[in-house]
Amino acid sequence: MIEKSPIKFIPYLKSVIWGGDKICSYKGIEQTEANIGESWEISAVPGHESVVAEGAYKGLKITELIDTFGPELLGTSVFDRYDGKFPLLVKLIDAQDNLSVQVHPDDELAKQRHNSLGKTEMWYIIDADKGAKIYSGLNRELTPDQYVSMVADNTIEQALAVHDSHPGDVFFLPAGRVHAIGAGNLLAEIQESSDITYRIYDYDRRDAQGNPRELHTEQAKDAIDYTFHEEYKSAPADPAVADAVIAECGHFKVDRLLLDGEMQLSYDDSSFTVMMCLAGEATIEYGGGSMAMKAGETALLPAALTSVTLKGKATLLTARS
């Protein structure tokens, strides 16, 4: 029987060409290499499975926990739906430079091409430098041939919908939506458990060996949703509401919690719950004890843990599948 307590994992810090120095200072940990662009907080992506940081299961991979406890960890519904696999990838992202313009395939196309889940995701802006931008969606309807032509002549940026970025902004990005994170953004990302990205445009940047980074123009052509929408930014969560749903789809439901004092949370055992502390400090109290959380930390509440009390003053996200 699984211990009914939250679980913290060791973050996987990823150095990338566009990364910066905000993640480690935000998390309060030492930065040992330059250009940390991503912290994979909870991952079951093969080769990058999260490892438990502390407690009774210290040193075990998340996949080993699932193998041992199955539905007690994942939840009865999630275990059956995803064939015993953890369905989400949870990250922090620091963009010191613009990320490439990219798109992700949906589940059907990803299964066909890569035997993988697709990637629908959401972003919550934690902090943004003055003038920071988010690129999400198109500012006009394109045809596939127009897209290919604009990539070829380096004008695809002109077709992107551009948004000013502010702390608390939410962007929901269904698979197929062209997007890029602009320089100056620190954000939380919750997505399907997939590392498949089709890079469309990369500002003619070079890798460490001086080579242009690979583009996936043809693969992306069949993955893009070319529909134009009037609005791509989600409506802001009401600051007067302590528990607000900020993203919901067939893959995940994300709530933003404003904790100021004490809050009771109760769940059924159909799904696990991911909890991210984005600002402030909180204590998770449960039947067997308590766990402290501070800004930049993430915990996994097993599905068997159906009731907790939060205390403190913090902004948190919770995600369930």
Protein backbone atom coordinates (compact mmCIF):
# COMPACT_ATOMS: atom_id res chain seq x y z
CA MET A 1 0.00 0.00 0.00
CA ILE A 2 1.38 3.40 -0.98
CA GLU A 3 2.16 5.97 1.70
CA LYS A 4 -0.55 8.62 1.65
CA SER A 5 1.85 11.55 1.52
CA PRO A 6 3.09 14.04 -1.10
CA ILE A 7 6.21 13.15 -3.07
CA LYS A 8 8.96 15.53 -4.20
CA PHE A 9 11.33 14.72 -7.06
CA ILE A 10 14.81 15.88 -8.01
CA PRO A 11 14.44 18.43 -10.82
CA TYR A 12 16.18 17.70 -14.12
CA LEU A 13 17.87 20.96 -15.14
CA LYS A 14 18.36 21.31 -18.88
CA SER A 15 20.94 23.65 -20.43
CA VAL A 16 19.78 25.00 -23.78
CA ILE A 17 20.86 27.65 -26.27
CA TRP A 18 18.09 30.07 -25.22
CA GLY A 19 18.21 29.43 -21.44
CA GLY A 20 19.16 31.83 -18.68
CA ASP A 21 19.88 32.08 -14.97
CA LYS A 22 16.47 32.62 -13.37
CA ILE A 23 15.38 29.05 -12.60
CA CYS A 24 18.03 28.19 -10.04
CA SER A 25 17.70 31.48 -8.16
CA TYR A 26 13.91 31.13 -8.27
CA LYS A 27 14.13 27.61 -6.85
CA GLY A 28 16.83 28.61 -4.35
CA ILE A 29 19.37 26.06 -5.60
CA GLU A 30 22.92 26.30 -6.87
CA GLN A 31 23.42 26.80 -10.61
CA THR A 32 26.25 24.54 -11.78
CA GLU A 33 26.07 25.20 -15.52
CA ALA A 34 25.08 28.07 -17.78
CA ASN A 35 21.89 28.66 -19.75
CA ILE A 36 19.44 26.58 -17.71
CA GLY A 37 16.27 26.90 -19.77
CA GLU A 38 14.14 24.12 -18.30
CA SER A 39 13.56 22.39 -15.00
CA TRP A 40 11.66 19.16 -15.54
CA GLU A 41 9.79 18.97 -12.26
CA ILE A 42 7.91 15.70 -12.87
CA SER A 43 8.69 13.56 -15.87
CA ALA A 44 8.21 10.00 -17.04
CA VAL A 45 9.74 10.69 -20.47
CA PRO A 46 12.05 7.75 -21.24
CA GLY A 47 15.62 8.62 -20.30
CA HIS A 48 14.49 11.47 -18.06
CA GLU A 49 12.28 9.77 -15.48
CA SER A 50 12.01 11.81 -12.28
CA VAL A 51 13.73 10.41 -9.18
CA VAL A 52 12.23 10.80 -5.69
CA ALA A 53 14.20 13.38 -3.68
CA GLU A 54 13.38 12.43 -0.10
CA GLY A 55 11.32 10.22 2.18
CA ALA A 56 10.52 6.52 2.12
CA TYR A 57 10.84 6.26 -1.66
CA LYS A 58 14.03 8.30 -2.03
CA GLY A 59 16.04 7.23 -5.09
CA LEU A 60 13.18 5.48 -6.87
CA LYS A 61 12.11 6.57 -10.34
CA ILE A 62 8.52 7.61 -10.91
CA THR A 63 8.15 4.61 -13.24
CA GLU A 64 9.25 2.30 -10.40
CA LEU A 65 6.59 3.82 -8.14
CA ILE A 66 3.98 3.20 -10.83
CA ASP A 67 5.17 -0.38 -11.31
CA THR A 68 4.82 -0.97 -7.57
CA PHE A 69 1.66 0.94 -6.73
CA GLY A 70 -0.19 1.43 -10.03
CA PRO A 71 -3.65 2.94 -9.49
CA GLU A 72 -2.81 4.00 -5.93
CA LEU A 73 -0.35 6.49 -7.41
CA LEU A 74 -1.87 7.34 -10.79
CA GLY A 75 -5.54 6.97 -9.97
CA THR A 76 -8.00 4.35 -11.11
CA SER A 77 -9.17 6.26 -14.18
CA VAL A 78 -5.72 7.50 -15.20
CA PHE A 79 -4.14 4.07 -14.80
CA ASP A 80 -6.68 2.48 -17.13
CA ARG A 81 -6.77 5.32 -19.66
CA TYR A 82 -3.00 5.64 -20.06
CA ASP A 83 -2.13 1.96 -19.68
CA GLY A 84 -0.18 2.50 -16.46
CA LYS A 85 1.90 5.43 -17.71
CA PHE A 86 2.27 8.90 -16.19
CA PRO A 87 0.48 11.18 -18.66
CA LEU A 88 1.92 14.63 -17.87
CA LEU A 89 5.25 16.46 -18.10
CA VAL A 90 5.60 19.39 -15.70
CA LYS A 91 8.28 22.04 -16.24
CA LEU A 92 9.58 25.46 -15.34
CA ILE A 93 10.93 27.41 -18.33
CA ASP A 94 13.27 30.41 -18.38
CA ALA A 95 13.65 32.08 -21.77
CA GLN A 96 16.65 34.43 -21.80
CA ASP A 97 16.33 34.44 -25.59
CA ASN A 98 13.41 33.65 -27.88
CA LEU A 99 12.56 29.99 -28.25
CA SER A 100 12.19 28.63 -31.76
CA VAL A 101 8.83 28.94 -33.50
CA GLN A 102 7.35 25.46 -33.22
CA VAL A 103 4.31 23.22 -33.26
CA HIS A 104 3.44 19.87 -31.71
CA PRO A 105 1.46 17.02 -33.28
CA ASP A 106 -1.83 15.81 -31.85
CA ASP A 107 -2.26 12.35 -30.36
CA GLU A 108 -3.30 10.72 -33.61
CA LEU A 109 -0.37 12.06 -35.66
CA ALA A 110 2.14 11.48 -32.85
CA LYS A 111 0.98 7.90 -32.44
CA GLN A 112 1.25 7.30 -36.18
CA ARG A 113 4.71 8.86 -36.57
CA HIS A 114 6.39 8.39 -33.20
CA ASN A 115 4.28 5.88 -31.22
CA SER A 116 3.89 8.65 -28.65
CA LEU A 117 1.34 10.95 -27.13
CA GLY A 118 0.95 14.30 -28.84
CA LYS A 119 1.49 17.53 -26.99
CA THR A 120 -1.25 19.82 -25.80
CA GLU A 121 0.12 22.20 -23.17
CA MET A 122 -0.57 25.27 -21.08
CA TRP A 123 1.63 28.10 -19.79
CA TYR A 124 1.27 30.16 -16.64
CA ILE A 125 3.49 33.25 -16.63
CA ILE A 126 5.34 33.47 -13.31
CA ASP A 127 7.45 36.52 -14.15
CA ALA A 128 8.07 38.60 -17.27
CA ASP A 129 10.61 41.26 -18.09
CA LYS A 130 9.32 44.57 -19.39
CA GLY A 131 8.36 44.15 -23.04
CA ALA A 132 8.35 40.33 -22.94
CA LYS A 133 6.18 38.64 -25.54
CA ILE A 134 4.38 35.36 -26.07
CA TYR A 135 3.75 34.12 -29.60
CA SER A 136 0.65 31.95 -29.79
CA GLY A 137 -1.46 31.25 -32.87
CA LEU A 138 -1.69 33.00 -36.22
CA ASN A 139 -2.68 36.57 -37.03
CA ARG A 140 -4.30 35.45 -40.29
CA GLU A 141 -5.51 32.22 -41.85
CA LEU A 142 -2.83 30.47 -43.88
CA THR A 143 -2.83 27.61 -46.33
CA PRO A 144 -0.21 24.87 -45.99
CA ASP A 145 1.50 26.11 -49.15
CA GLN A 146 1.61 29.68 -47.83
CA TYR A 147 3.19 28.40 -44.63
CA VAL A 148 5.91 26.52 -46.55
CA SER A 149 6.60 29.60 -48.66
CA MET A 150 6.89 31.88 -45.60
CA VAL A 151 9.29 29.46 -43.90
CA ALA A 152 11.40 29.34 -47.07
CA ASP A 153 11.74 33.13 -47.28
CA ASN A 154 12.09 33.66 -43.49
CA THR A 155 8.86 35.64 -43.11
CA ILE A 156 6.86 33.18 -40.98
CA GLU A 157 7.32 35.46 -37.95
CA GLN A 158 5.07 37.98 -39.70
CA ALA A 159 2.15 35.55 -39.48
CA LEU A 160 2.37 34.97 -35.71
CA ALA A 161 -0.08 36.43 -33.21
CA VAL A 162 1.97 38.42 -30.67
CA HIS A 163 0.88 39.00 -27.06
CA ASP A 164 2.31 41.13 -24.27
CA SER A 165 3.28 38.92 -21.34
CA HIS A 166 2.51 39.64 -17.69
CA PRO A 167 2.67 37.59 -14.47
CA GLY A 168 -0.54 35.59 -14.07
CA ASP A 169 -1.27 35.36 -17.80
CA VAL A 170 -2.41 31.95 -19.02
CA PHE A 171 -2.00 30.51 -22.50
CA PHE A 172 -3.65 27.24 -23.50
CA LEU A 173 -1.93 25.65 -26.48
CA PRO A 174 -3.77 22.75 -28.08
CA ALA A 175 -1.68 20.48 -30.28
CA GLY A 176 -1.36 22.08 -33.72
CA ARG A 177 -1.10 25.68 -32.52
CA VAL A 178 2.04 27.47 -33.73
CA HIS A 179 3.82 29.14 -30.82
CA ALA A 180 7.03 30.44 -29.27
CA ILE A 181 8.06 31.73 -25.85
CA GLY A 182 9.62 35.17 -26.14
CA ALA A 183 12.74 36.34 -24.32
CA GLY A 184 12.21 37.48 -20.73
CA ASN A 185 9.56 34.97 -19.67
CA LEU A 186 9.70 32.67 -16.64
CA LEU A 187 6.76 30.30 -16.74
CA ALA A 188 5.26 27.01 -15.59
CA GLU A 189 4.35 24.53 -18.30
CA ILE A 190 1.98 21.59 -17.90
CA GLN A 191 1.72 19.34 -20.93
CA GLU A 192 1.10 15.85 -22.16
CA SER A 193 4.01 13.51 -21.55
CA SER A 194 5.71 13.98 -24.89
CA ASP A 195 9.00 15.50 -26.01
CA ILE A 196 8.05 15.77 -29.70
CA THR A 197 8.57 19.22 -31.20
CA TYR A 198 8.56 20.32 -34.82
CA ARG A 199 10.82 23.35 -35.18
CA ILE A 200 9.56 25.78 -37.83
CA TYR A 201 11.87 28.78 -37.52
CA ASP A 202 14.94 29.45 -35.37
CA TYR A 203 16.28 32.92 -36.28
CA ASP A 204 19.21 31.29 -38.13
CA ARG A 205 20.80 30.33 -34.81
CA ARG A 206 23.73 27.93 -34.71
CA ASP A 207 24.42 25.07 -32.32
CA ALA A 208 27.63 24.61 -30.33
CA GLN A 209 29.34 23.21 -33.42
CA GLY A 210 28.31 26.18 -35.56
CA ASN A 211 25.66 24.26 -37.51
CA PRO A 212 22.14 25.58 -38.18
CA ARG A 213 19.59 23.88 -35.92
CA GLU A 214 17.39 21.41 -37.77
CA LEU A 215 13.98 22.56 -39.01
CA HIS A 216 11.00 20.24 -39.47
CA THR A 217 9.12 22.13 -42.16
CA GLU A 218 7.41 19.19 -43.83
CA GLN A 219 6.56 17.36 -40.63
CA ALA A 220 5.05 20.54 -39.21
CA LYS A 221 3.04 21.16 -42.38
CA ASP A 222 0.62 18.35 -41.55
CA ALA A 223 0.56 19.11 -37.82
CA ILE A 224 -0.39 22.81 -37.90
CA ASP A 225 -3.89 24.08 -37.24
CA TYR A 226 -4.12 26.90 -39.79
CA THR A 227 -7.35 28.34 -38.35
CA PHE A 228 -7.27 32.00 -37.29
CA HIS A 229 -8.79 32.87 -33.89
CA GLU A 230 -9.55 36.34 -32.57
CA GLU A 231 -8.13 35.57 -29.12
CA TYR A 232 -5.40 33.17 -27.99
CA LYS A 233 -4.82 34.33 -24.42
CA SER A 234 -7.04 32.73 -21.77
CA ALA A 235 -9.30 34.95 -19.69
CA PRO A 236 -7.48 35.93 -16.49
CA ALA A 237 -8.39 34.13 -13.30
CA ASP A 238 -10.52 36.23 -10.97
CA PRO A 239 -8.21 37.53 -8.21
CA ALA A 240 -11.18 37.44 -5.82
CA VAL A 241 -11.57 33.67 -6.30
CA ALA A 242 -9.29 31.46 -4.20
CA ASP A 243 -9.65 28.38 -6.42
CA ALA A 244 -10.06 29.10 -10.13
CA VAL A 245 -9.91 26.70 -13.10
CA ILE A 246 -7.45 28.21 -15.59
CA ALA A 247 -7.11 25.39 -18.14
CA GLU A 248 -9.21 22.33 -18.87
CA CYS A 249 -9.14 19.82 -21.70
CA GLY A 250 -9.25 16.09 -22.25
CA HIS A 251 -5.68 15.73 -20.98
CA PHE A 252 -5.57 17.85 -17.82
CA LYS A 253 -7.43 20.27 -15.58
CA VAL A 254 -5.36 23.03 -13.97
CA ASP A 255 -6.49 25.21 -11.04
CA ARG A 256 -4.80 28.31 -9.67
CA LEU A 257 -5.02 28.51 -5.88
CA LEU A 258 -4.55 31.71 -3.89
CA LEU A 259 -3.74 30.51 -0.39
CA ASP A 260 -4.01 33.03 2.42
CA GLY A 261 -4.41 31.20 5.70
CA GLU A 262 -5.95 27.75 5.39
CA MET A 263 -7.59 25.79 2.56
CA GLN A 264 -9.06 22.29 2.47
CA LEU A 265 -8.68 20.20 -0.69
CA SER A 266 -10.58 16.98 -1.30
CA TYR A 267 -10.33 14.73 -4.34
CA ASP A 268 -11.59 11.40 -5.55
CA ASP A 269 -9.09 8.64 -6.31
CA SER A 270 -9.50 8.76 -10.10
CA SER A 271 -6.32 10.83 -10.61
CA PHE A 272 -3.10 11.96 -8.98
CA THR A 273 -2.65 15.69 -8.29
CA VAL A 274 0.42 17.74 -9.20
CA MET A 275 0.96 20.78 -6.97
CA MET A 276 3.33 23.59 -7.94
CA CYS A 277 4.19 26.44 -5.57
CA LEU A 278 4.75 29.52 -7.73
CA ALA A 279 5.04 32.21 -5.04
CA GLY A 280 5.17 32.37 -1.27
CA GLU A 281 5.29 29.43 1.11
CA ALA A 282 2.79 26.72 2.01
CA THR A 283 2.53 23.66 4.19
CA ILE A 284 0.67 20.58 2.98
CA GLU A 285 -0.85 18.79 5.97
CA TYR A 286 -2.07 15.22 5.54
CA GLY A 287 -2.99 12.32 7.77
CA GLY A 288 0.56 11.22 8.43
CA GLY A 289 2.34 14.55 8.72
CA SER A 290 3.19 17.67 6.77
CA MET A 291 5.38 18.89 3.91
CA ALA A 292 6.69 22.43 3.43
CA MET A 293 6.69 23.99 -0.04
CA LYS A 294 8.27 27.19 -1.28
CA ALA A 295 8.33 29.02 -4.59
CA GLY A 296 9.77 26.85 -7.35
CA GLU A 297 8.92 23.52 -5.74
CA THR A 298 6.57 20.84 -7.06
CA ALA A 299 4.97 17.86 -5.33
CA LEU A 300 2.97 14.86 -6.51
CA LEU A 301 -0.03 13.86 -4.44
CA PRO A 302 -0.78 10.17 -5.05
CA ALA A 303 -4.37 9.40 -5.97
CA ALA A 304 -4.73 7.52 -2.68
CA LEU A 305 -4.16 10.82 -0.85
CA THR A 306 -7.64 12.25 -1.25
CA SER A 307 -7.64 15.01 1.36
CA VAL A 308 -5.08 17.63 2.42
CA THR A 309 -5.04 20.92 4.29
CA LEU A 310 -2.96 23.79 2.95
CA LYS A 311 -1.65 26.49 5.27
CA GLY A 312 0.38 29.60 4.52
CA LYS A 313 0.38 32.39 1.97
CA ALA A 314 1.15 31.24 -1.56
CA THR A 315 0.12 31.04 -5.19
CA LEU A 316 -0.16 27.44 -6.32
CA LEU A 317 -1.18 25.46 -9.37
CA THR A 318 -2.77 22.03 -9.20
CA ALA A 319 -3.10 19.69 -12.17
CA ARG A 320 -5.08 16.48 -12.54
CA SER A 321 -5.57 14.19 -15.55
